[in-house]
Amino acid sequence: MDNNQRTPIISINKNIQGGTPCFVGTRVPAAALFDHLESGYTVDYFLSQFPSVKREQVIALLEEAKRQTALQSVGTVQ
């Protein structure tokens, strides 16, 4: 998929969770995924706790985080 055609993963809306970045179409903060992973929980467990989040959204967010990390490691932050 072309970078210009990416489907949004995260939305920020001041009327949803006070503007906290959330998975698109949900009220689930994106940070909740990282909190769960940091606490040792699996993606499957996270998805069982937040059924409104789709596996594809989780994978896309993790891939984007990986991409951003790779960009920063070579000094080409966008």
PDB file of N, CA and C in Angstrom:
ATOM      1  N   MET A   1       0.841  -1.191   0.000  1.00  0.00           N
ATOM      2  CA  MET A   1       0.000   0.000   0.000  1.00  0.00           C
ATOM      3  C   MET A   1       0.878   1.243   0.000  1.00  0.00           C
ATOM      4  N   ASP A   2       0.570   2.197  -0.789  1.00  0.00           N
ATOM      5  CA  ASP A   2       1.272   3.460  -0.886  1.00  0.00           C
ATOM      6  C   ASP A   2       1.107   4.235   0.419  1.00  0.00           C
ATOM      7  N   ASN A   3       2.175   4.902   0.859  1.00  0.00           N
ATOM      8  CA  ASN A   3       2.128   5.688   2.096  1.00  0.00           C
ATOM      9  C   ASN A   3       1.028   6.730   2.073  1.00  0.00           C
ATOM     10  N   ASN A   4       0.696   7.244   0.901  1.00  0.00           N
ATOM     11  CA  ASN A   4      -0.334   8.273   0.799  1.00  0.00           C
ATOM     12  C   ASN A   4      -1.741   7.702   0.901  1.00  0.00           C
ATOM     13  N   GLN A   5      -1.871   6.385   0.866  1.00  0.00           N
ATOM     14  CA  GLN A   5      -3.183   5.754   0.893  1.00  0.00           C
ATOM     15  C   GLN A   5      -3.442   5.008   2.198  1.00  0.00           C
ATOM     16  N   ARG A   6      -2.674   5.293   3.234  1.00  0.00           N
ATOM     17  CA  ARG A   6      -2.859   4.607   4.509  1.00  0.00           C
ATOM     18  C   ARG A   6      -4.219   4.931   5.104  1.00  0.00           C
ATOM     19  N   THR A   7      -4.823   3.915   5.685  1.00  0.00           N
ATOM     20  CA  THR A   7      -6.062   4.106   6.422  1.00  0.00           C
ATOM     21  C   THR A   7      -5.697   4.625   7.803  1.00  0.00           C
ATOM     22  N   PRO A   8      -6.383   5.646   8.280  1.00  0.00           N
ATOM     23  CA  PRO A   8      -6.058   6.163   9.618  1.00  0.00           C
ATOM     24  C   PRO A   8      -6.218   5.080  10.688  1.00  0.00           C
ATOM     25  N   ILE A   9      -5.284   5.063  11.611  1.00  0.00           N
ATOM     26  CA  ILE A   9      -5.291   4.109  12.715  1.00  0.00           C
ATOM     27  C   ILE A   9      -5.819   4.786  13.971  1.00  0.00           C
ATOM     28  N   ILE A  10      -5.414   6.023  14.147  1.00  0.00           N
ATOM     29  CA  ILE A  10      -5.700   6.782  15.364  1.00  0.00           C
ATOM     30  C   ILE A  10      -6.500   8.025  15.008  1.00  0.00           C
ATOM     31  N   SER A  11      -7.436   8.359  15.881  1.00  0.00           N
ATOM     32  CA  SER A  11      -8.150   9.625  15.713  1.00  0.00           C
ATOM     33  C   SER A  11      -8.018  10.434  17.001  1.00  0.00           C
ATOM     34  N   ILE A  12      -8.040  11.736  16.822  1.00  0.00           N
ATOM     35  CA  ILE A  12      -8.002  12.653  17.962  1.00  0.00           C
ATOM     36  C   ILE A  12      -9.191  13.585  17.816  1.00  0.00           C
ATOM     37  N   ASN A  13     -10.075  13.520  18.802  1.00  0.00           N
ATOM     38  CA  ASN A  13     -11.297  14.313  18.778  1.00  0.00           C
ATOM     39  C   ASN A  13     -11.528  14.801  20.196  1.00  0.00           C
ATOM     40  N   LYS A  14     -11.601  16.111  20.369  1.00  0.00           N
ATOM     41  CA  LYS A  14     -11.744  16.655  21.721  1.00  0.00           C
ATOM     42  C   LYS A  14     -13.011  16.160  22.413  1.00  0.00           C
ATOM     43  N   ASN A  15     -13.979  15.671  21.643  1.00  0.00           N
ATOM     44  CA  ASN A  15     -15.224  15.170  22.222  1.00  0.00           C
ATOM     45  C   ASN A  15     -15.183  13.686  22.573  1.00  0.00           C
ATOM     46  N   ILE A  16     -14.070  13.030  22.259  1.00  0.00           N
ATOM     47  CA  ILE A  16     -13.901  11.606  22.581  1.00  0.00           C
ATOM     48  C   ILE A  16     -12.680  11.478  23.475  1.00  0.00           C
ATOM     49  N   GLN A  17     -12.909  11.041  24.682  1.00  0.00           N
ATOM     50  CA  GLN A  17     -11.842  10.856  25.671  1.00  0.00           C
ATOM     51  C   GLN A  17     -10.999  12.128  25.839  1.00  0.00           C
ATOM     52  N   GLY A  18     -11.646  13.282  25.697  1.00  0.00           N
ATOM     53  CA  GLY A  18     -10.962  14.551  25.927  1.00  0.00           C
ATOM     54  C   GLY A  18      -9.819  14.842  24.975  1.00  0.00           C
ATOM     55  N   GLY A  19      -9.853  14.223  23.792  1.00  0.00           N
ATOM     56  CA  GLY A  19      -8.802  14.459  22.805  1.00  0.00           C
ATOM     57  C   GLY A  19      -7.647  13.479  22.885  1.00  0.00           C
ATOM     58  N   THR A  20      -7.764  12.485  23.739  1.00  0.00           N
ATOM     59  CA  THR A  20      -6.738  11.449  23.819  1.00  0.00           C
ATOM     60  C   THR A  20      -6.727  10.657  22.515  1.00  0.00           C
ATOM     61  N   PRO A  21      -5.561  10.398  21.946  1.00  0.00           N
ATOM     62  CA  PRO A  21      -5.513   9.599  20.717  1.00  0.00           C
ATOM     63  C   PRO A  21      -6.133   8.215  20.939  1.00  0.00           C
ATOM     64  N   CYS A  22      -7.130   7.884  20.128  1.00  0.00           N
ATOM     65  CA  CYS A  22      -7.860   6.614  20.248  1.00  0.00           C
ATOM     66  C   CYS A  22      -7.833   5.866  18.924  1.00  0.00           C
ATOM     67  N   PHE A  23      -8.024   4.556  19.016  1.00  0.00           N
ATOM     68  CA  PHE A  23      -8.184   3.776  17.796  1.00  0.00           C
ATOM     69  C   PHE A  23      -9.413   4.295  17.056  1.00  0.00           C
ATOM     70  N   VAL A  24      -9.306   4.467  15.750  1.00  0.00           N
ATOM     71  CA  VAL A  24     -10.402   4.981  14.926  1.00  0.00           C
ATOM     72  C   VAL A  24     -11.656   4.142  15.151  1.00  0.00           C
ATOM     73  N   GLY A  25     -12.783   4.828  15.328  1.00  0.00           N
ATOM     74  CA  GLY A  25     -14.067   4.171  15.484  1.00  0.00           C
ATOM     75  C   GLY A  25     -14.325   3.616  16.872  1.00  0.00           C
ATOM     76  N   THR A  26     -13.423   3.934  17.823  1.00  0.00           N
ATOM     77  CA  THR A  26     -13.582   3.443  19.186  1.00  0.00           C
ATOM     78  C   THR A  26     -13.358   4.583  20.171  1.00  0.00           C
ATOM     79  N   ARG A  27     -13.522   4.260  21.425  1.00  0.00           N
ATOM     80  CA  ARG A  27     -13.170   5.171  22.508  1.00  0.00           C
ATOM     81  C   ARG A  27     -11.977   4.617  23.284  1.00  0.00           C
ATOM     82  N   VAL A  28     -11.232   3.727  22.651  1.00  0.00           N
ATOM     83  CA  VAL A  28     -10.105   3.042  23.297  1.00  0.00           C
ATOM     84  C   VAL A  28      -8.822   3.816  23.018  1.00  0.00           C
ATOM     85  N   PRO A  29      -8.187   4.341  24.062  1.00  0.00           N
ATOM     86  CA  PRO A  29      -6.927   5.055  23.863  1.00  0.00           C
ATOM     87  C   PRO A  29      -5.850   4.138  23.284  1.00  0.00           C
ATOM     88  N   ALA A  30      -5.111   4.652  22.319  1.00  0.00           N
ATOM     89  CA  ALA A  30      -4.019   3.877  21.720  1.00  0.00           C
ATOM     90  C   ALA A  30      -2.994   3.497  22.779  1.00  0.00           C
ATOM     91  N   ALA A  31      -2.781   4.356  23.750  1.00  0.00           N
ATOM     92  CA  ALA A  31      -1.806   4.074  24.804  1.00  0.00           C
ATOM     93  C   ALA A  31      -2.174   2.818  25.590  1.00  0.00           C
ATOM     94  N   ALA A  32      -3.455   2.461  25.624  1.00  0.00           N
ATOM     95  CA  ALA A  32      -3.876   1.259  26.349  1.00  0.00           C
ATOM     96  C   ALA A  32      -3.201   0.015  25.783  1.00  0.00           C
ATOM     97  N   LEU A  33      -2.983  -0.015  24.475  1.00  0.00           N
ATOM     98  CA  LEU A  33      -2.297  -1.153  23.872  1.00  0.00           C
ATOM     99  C   LEU A  33      -0.885  -1.259  24.420  1.00  0.00           C
ATOM    100  N   PHE A  34      -0.158  -0.159  24.400  1.00  0.00           N
ATOM    101  CA  PHE A  34       1.223  -0.183  24.869  1.00  0.00           C
ATOM    102  C   PHE A  34       1.288  -0.474  26.365  1.00  0.00           C
ATOM    103  N   ASP A  35       0.341   0.049  27.126  1.00  0.00           N
ATOM    104  CA  ASP A  35       0.280  -0.251  28.559  1.00  0.00           C
ATOM    105  C   ASP A  35       0.111  -1.750  28.787  1.00  0.00           C
ATOM    106  N   HIS A  36      -0.779  -2.367  28.023  1.00  0.00           N
ATOM    107  CA  HIS A  36      -1.010  -3.804  28.157  1.00  0.00           C
ATOM    108  C   HIS A  36       0.244  -4.593  27.783  1.00  0.00           C
ATOM    109  N   LEU A  37       0.861  -4.229  26.679  1.00  0.00           N
ATOM    110  CA  LEU A  37       2.062  -4.941  26.246  1.00  0.00           C
ATOM    111  C   LEU A  37       3.192  -4.776  27.259  1.00  0.00           C
ATOM    112  N   GLU A  38       3.357  -3.569  27.789  1.00  0.00           N
ATOM    113  CA  GLU A  38       4.392  -3.317  28.793  1.00  0.00           C
ATOM    114  C   GLU A  38       4.150  -4.121  30.064  1.00  0.00           C
ATOM    115  N   SER A  39       2.897  -4.406  30.347  1.00  0.00           N
ATOM    116  CA  SER A  39       2.544  -5.182  31.542  1.00  0.00           C
ATOM    117  C   SER A  39       2.631  -6.685  31.310  1.00  0.00           C
ATOM    118  N   GLY A  40       3.001  -7.089  30.089  1.00  0.00           N
ATOM    119  CA  GLY A  40       3.190  -8.497  29.796  1.00  0.00           C
ATOM    120  C   GLY A  40       1.991  -9.195  29.188  1.00  0.00           C
ATOM    121  N   TYR A  41       0.935  -8.448  28.894  1.00  0.00           N
ATOM    122  CA  TYR A  41      -0.240  -9.047  28.276  1.00  0.00           C
ATOM    123  C   TYR A  41      -0.018  -9.215  26.783  1.00  0.00           C
ATOM    124  N   THR A  42      -0.732 -10.141  26.201  1.00  0.00           N
ATOM    125  CA  THR A  42      -0.618 -10.394  24.769  1.00  0.00           C
ATOM    126  C   THR A  42      -1.600  -9.515  23.991  1.00  0.00           C
ATOM    127  N   VAL A  43      -1.383  -9.462  22.690  1.00  0.00           N
ATOM    128  CA  VAL A  43      -2.320  -8.755  21.813  1.00  0.00           C
ATOM    129  C   VAL A  43      -3.696  -9.415  21.903  1.00  0.00           C
ATOM    130  N   ASP A  44      -3.728 -10.728  21.941  1.00  0.00           N
ATOM    131  CA  ASP A  44      -5.017 -11.430  22.044  1.00  0.00           C
ATOM    132  C   ASP A  44      -5.766 -11.039  23.314  1.00  0.00           C
ATOM    133  N   TYR A  45      -5.045 -10.912  24.418  1.00  0.00           N
ATOM    134  CA  TYR A  45      -5.690 -10.501  25.667  1.00  0.00           C
ATOM    135  C   TYR A  45      -6.231  -9.076  25.531  1.00  0.00           C
ATOM    136  N   PHE A  46      -5.416  -8.182  24.965  1.00  0.00           N
ATOM    137  CA  PHE A  46      -5.854  -6.805  24.757  1.00  0.00           C
ATOM    138  C   PHE A  46      -7.139  -6.783  23.939  1.00  0.00           C
ATOM    139  N   LEU A  47      -7.159  -7.535  22.854  1.00  0.00           N
ATOM    140  CA  LEU A  47      -8.343  -7.567  21.990  1.00  0.00           C
ATOM    141  C   LEU A  47      -9.561  -8.143  22.714  1.00  0.00           C
ATOM    142  N   SER A  48      -9.336  -9.074  23.619  1.00  0.00           N
ATOM    143  CA  SER A  48     -10.466  -9.626  24.380  1.00  0.00           C
ATOM    144  C   SER A  48     -11.029  -8.601  25.357  1.00  0.00           C
ATOM    145  N   GLN A  49     -10.185  -7.694  25.814  1.00  0.00           N
ATOM    146  CA  GLN A  49     -10.625  -6.661  26.751  1.00  0.00           C
ATOM    147  C   GLN A  49     -11.251  -5.458  26.037  1.00  0.00           C
ATOM    148  N   PHE A  50     -10.894  -5.267  24.788  1.00  0.00           N
ATOM    149  CA  PHE A  50     -11.383  -4.132  24.001  1.00  0.00           C
ATOM    150  C   PHE A  50     -11.907  -4.643  22.653  1.00  0.00           C
ATOM    151  N   PRO A  51     -13.067  -5.283  22.653  1.00  0.00           N
ATOM    152  CA  PRO A  51     -13.574  -5.912  21.428  1.00  0.00           C
ATOM    153  C   PRO A  51     -13.895  -4.934  20.296  1.00  0.00           C
ATOM    154  N   SER A  52     -13.983  -3.652  20.592  1.00  0.00           N
ATOM    155  CA  SER A  52     -14.250  -2.692  19.513  1.00  0.00           C
ATOM    156  C   SER A  52     -13.001  -2.424  18.667  1.00  0.00           C
ATOM    157  N   VAL A  53     -11.836  -2.803  19.172  1.00  0.00           N
ATOM    158  CA  VAL A  53     -10.587  -2.631  18.422  1.00  0.00           C
ATOM    159  C   VAL A  53     -10.363  -3.884  17.577  1.00  0.00           C
ATOM    160  N   LYS A  54     -10.017  -3.668  16.328  1.00  0.00           N
ATOM    161  CA  LYS A  54      -9.776  -4.783  15.415  1.00  0.00           C
ATOM    162  C   LYS A  54      -8.292  -5.159  15.422  1.00  0.00           C
ATOM    163  N   ARG A  55      -8.023  -6.437  15.218  1.00  0.00           N
ATOM    164  CA  ARG A  55      -6.638  -6.915  15.159  1.00  0.00           C
ATOM    165  C   ARG A  55      -5.828  -6.121  14.126  1.00  0.00           C
ATOM    166  N   GLU A  56      -6.453  -5.814  12.994  1.00  0.00           N
ATOM    167  CA  GLU A  56      -5.759  -5.073  11.938  1.00  0.00           C
ATOM    168  C   GLU A  56      -5.306  -3.697  12.438  1.00  0.00           C
ATOM    169  N   GLN A  57      -6.111  -3.078  13.300  1.00  0.00           N
ATOM    170  CA  GLN A  57      -5.738  -1.771  13.852  1.00  0.00           C
ATOM    171  C   GLN A  57      -4.513  -1.906  14.756  1.00  0.00           C
ATOM    172  N   VAL A  58      -4.494  -2.939  15.573  1.00  0.00           N
ATOM    173  CA  VAL A  58      -3.367  -3.169  16.479  1.00  0.00           C
ATOM    174  C   VAL A  58      -2.095  -3.414  15.667  1.00  0.00           C
ATOM    175  N   ILE A  59      -2.180  -4.279  14.685  1.00  0.00           N
ATOM    176  CA  ILE A  59      -1.012  -4.588  13.858  1.00  0.00           C
ATOM    177  C   ILE A  59      -0.526  -3.333  13.130  1.00  0.00           C
ATOM    178  N   ALA A  60      -1.454  -2.559  12.597  1.00  0.00           N
ATOM    179  CA  ALA A  60      -1.073  -1.335  11.881  1.00  0.00           C
ATOM    180  C   ALA A  60      -0.380  -0.346  12.823  1.00  0.00           C
ATOM    181  N   LEU A  61      -0.877  -0.214  14.043  1.00  0.00           N
ATOM    182  CA  LEU A  61      -0.249   0.704  15.000  1.00  0.00           C
ATOM    183  C   LEU A  61       1.149   0.222  15.364  1.00  0.00           C
ATOM    184  N   LEU A  62       1.300  -1.057  15.608  1.00  0.00           N
ATOM    185  CA  LEU A  62       2.622  -1.599  15.936  1.00  0.00           C
ATOM    186  C   LEU A  62       3.588  -1.451  14.765  1.00  0.00           C
ATOM    187  N   GLU A  63       3.095  -1.668  13.551  1.00  0.00           N
ATOM    188  CA  GLU A  63       3.957  -1.490  12.371  1.00  0.00           C
ATOM    189  C   GLU A  63       4.369  -0.035  12.208  1.00  0.00           C
ATOM    190  N   GLU A  64       3.451   0.883  12.471  1.00  0.00           N
ATOM    191  CA  GLU A  64       3.781   2.311  12.374  1.00  0.00           C
ATOM    192  C   GLU A  64       4.798   2.697  13.441  1.00  0.00           C
ATOM    193  N   ALA A  65       4.642   2.180  14.651  1.00  0.00           N
ATOM    194  CA  ALA A  65       5.608   2.458  15.722  1.00  0.00           C
ATOM    195  C   ALA A  65       6.988   1.919  15.338  1.00  0.00           C
ATOM    196  N   LYS A  66       7.005   0.727  14.751  1.00  0.00           N
ATOM    197  CA  LYS A  66       8.269   0.145  14.293  1.00  0.00           C
ATOM    198  C   LYS A  66       8.903   1.004  13.205  1.00  0.00           C
ATOM    199  N   ARG A  67       8.071   1.450  12.269  1.00  0.00           N
ATOM    200  CA  ARG A  67       8.568   2.299  11.176  1.00  0.00           C
ATOM    201  C   ARG A  67       9.157   3.597  11.715  1.00  0.00           C
ATOM    202  N   GLN A  68       8.450   4.219  12.651  1.00  0.00           N
ATOM    203  CA  GLN A  68       8.934   5.469  13.236  1.00  0.00           C
ATOM    204  C   GLN A  68      10.234   5.256  14.002  1.00  0.00           C
ATOM    205  N   THR A  69      10.331   4.141  14.694  1.00  0.00           N
ATOM    206  CA  THR A  69      11.553   3.820  15.435  1.00  0.00           C
ATOM    207  C   THR A  69      12.725   3.640  14.471  1.00  0.00           C
ATOM    208  N   ALA A  70      12.488   2.961  13.369  1.00  0.00           N
ATOM    209  CA  ALA A  70      13.540   2.755  12.370  1.00  0.00           C
ATOM    210  C   ALA A  70      13.981   4.084  11.773  1.00  0.00           C
ATOM    211  N   LEU A  71      13.030   4.968  11.511  1.00  0.00           N
ATOM    212  CA  LEU A  71      13.375   6.277  10.965  1.00  0.00           C
ATOM    213  C   LEU A  71      14.226   7.068  11.942  1.00  0.00           C
ATOM    214  N   GLN A  72      13.866   7.017  13.202  1.00  0.00           N
ATOM    215  CA  GLN A  72      14.623   7.758  14.213  1.00  0.00           C
ATOM    216  C   GLN A  72      16.026   7.186  14.392  1.00  0.00           C
ATOM    217  N   SER A  73      16.141   5.874  14.256  1.00  0.00           N
ATOM    218  CA  SER A  73      17.456   5.253  14.476  1.00  0.00           C
ATOM    219  C   SER A  73      18.452   5.618  13.381  1.00  0.00           C
ATOM    220  N   VAL A  74      17.956   6.004  12.209  1.00  0.00           N
ATOM    221  CA  VAL A  74      18.876   6.425  11.139  1.00  0.00           C
ATOM    222  C   VAL A  74      18.915   7.939  10.998  1.00  0.00           C
ATOM    223  N   GLY A  75      18.245   8.628  11.913  1.00  0.00           N
ATOM    224  CA  GLY A  75      18.321  10.085  11.937  1.00  0.00           C
ATOM    225  C   GLY A  75      17.518  10.781  10.869  1.00  0.00           C
ATOM    226  N   THR A  76      16.450  10.157  10.369  1.00  0.00           N
ATOM    227  CA  THR A  76      15.646  10.785   9.335  1.00  0.00           C
ATOM    228  C   THR A  76      14.210  10.959   9.824  1.00  0.00           C
ATOM    229  N   VAL A  77      14.049  11.558  10.977  1.00  0.00           N
ATOM    230  CA  VAL A  77      12.715  11.768  11.544  1.00  0.00           C
ATOM    231  C   VAL A  77      11.904  12.645  10.615  1.00  0.00           C
ATOM    232  N   GLN A  78      10.682  12.202  10.347  1.00  0.00           N
ATOM    233  CA  GLN A  78       9.811  12.974   9.460  1.00  0.00           C
ATOM    234  C   GLN A  78       8.916  13.872  10.274  1.00  0.00           C
TER     235      GLN A  78
END
